Amino acid sequence: MKKQKLREIYLQKRKELSNEEKEKLQQSIYQQIFDLDLNHIKNVHLFLSLQKFNEINTQPIIDYLRNQNKKIIISKCNFNDNSLSHFYFDENTRLAINKFGVEEPIDGQQVFEEELDLIFVPLLISDEKNFRVGYGKGFYDKFLANCRKDAKKIGINFFKPLQEIEDLDSFDISLDNVIYPQ
């Protein structure tokens, strides 16, 4: 199936998850994340959840990582070129909502892609080769292309991967892993 159709299907599937279903799926995802070996990880990039799209609540992941003394990094969108800039996210970081309804840092210390050790990537669905379908704006494709080759890229998803995404592009990047409920 092609990306645009997959976007429609999986946005709808996520929207239809009840609070109870979502909570159960999240607990499975959280446990897998909490079981990761993070000994050599210092800087972790994470997305802030979009409730309007019923995304996984990343706050428990943020809390866990902070308790593990990991530095959390979040992004800010540049809508002129669909790029992201990245900032440390701590208790002093002030946030504002952008035109897509995404909370973003409005201040803080900037972090560059080469400083990231682990990147948790939002997605709607992935395939068995760990390629992903996102929202279609290309922000993460550009971002991941600039990260170090040894930085771990892990997708987080409510749904089991498909066999194949039909219309992959040359700029699509395969993730190292996709965590979904087991």
Foldseek 3Di string as FASTA:
>chain_A
DALVVLLVVLLVVLVPQDPVNLVVFLVQLVVVLLPDPCPPFAEEEEFQDDVVSNFRHCVVVVVSCVVVNHWYKYWDADVVQLEIWIFTDDPPFDWDADPVRGTDTPDHDTDAQANGQEYEDEARAAAPQQWGRHPPSCHVLVSVVRHDPNRAYEYEYADDHHHDHDDDDPSTDHGPYYGYRD
